[in-house]
Amino acid sequence: MLTQTTALLLREEPISELSHYLTVPSVFEANTVFDVCEGTGGVELREREITQPYRKDYDALENPMEWPARFDVSNWTLIGAFNAGERVGGAVGAFDSRGLDMLEGRDDLVVLWDIRVSPSVRRLGVGSALFRSLEAWARARSCRELKVETQNTNVAACRFYEHQGCHLKRVNRNAYSSLPGEVQLIWSKVVGV
């Protein structure tokens, strides 16, 4: 267990370490969702309890081992988080990758493509450390913006990104044809000038 007396080690790894990275699950469960509403000040996220807990396994929906075949990952980063030699989390950043819509054809934008933290160490700062590490990685490449996608069904992720200083940039109600109850939320943070 990660405690204040143990040190978290973050290190950049080659994308070839993806299979090891995936030993940390990318699953969440929720008892609430956000209703996405138009308010007087723009879009509002209103939390609502749901009767049936919602469970989502991102890796079951999209196999991360296929990323290198689908995208040019030569400019991507993989950051591993380790505690006492054990992998407890990680983040993948996408940068300068042709054909990746989230990058908008820009060379001053990084996308937080994936972030995951072992359930046993959630809420202990691992995610925040990974986010800060990706921000530093983006600044080192003269990026001006960090962007990330999540959904209205992942309230914890929305709160996390907001806590990291991200702002809701865009809402797409029709992004997921196979998941019609989910609304795509694009968050953004300025990381450089």
Foldseek 3Di string as FASTA:
>chain_A
DDDPVWDKDKDKDDCVCVVVQPVAFDKDKDQWFWDWDQDPVGTDTDIDGDPDIDMDGVCVVPPPVCVVVVWVCVPKIKMFIDIPRHTFWIWIKGADIPPDVVCVNDRQEIEREDIGGHPVCPPVCPRVVRVVVVLVVSVVSNHFKYKYKDKRSCVVVVVVLVVSVWDFDDKAQPPDPPCNVIIMTMIMDTSHD
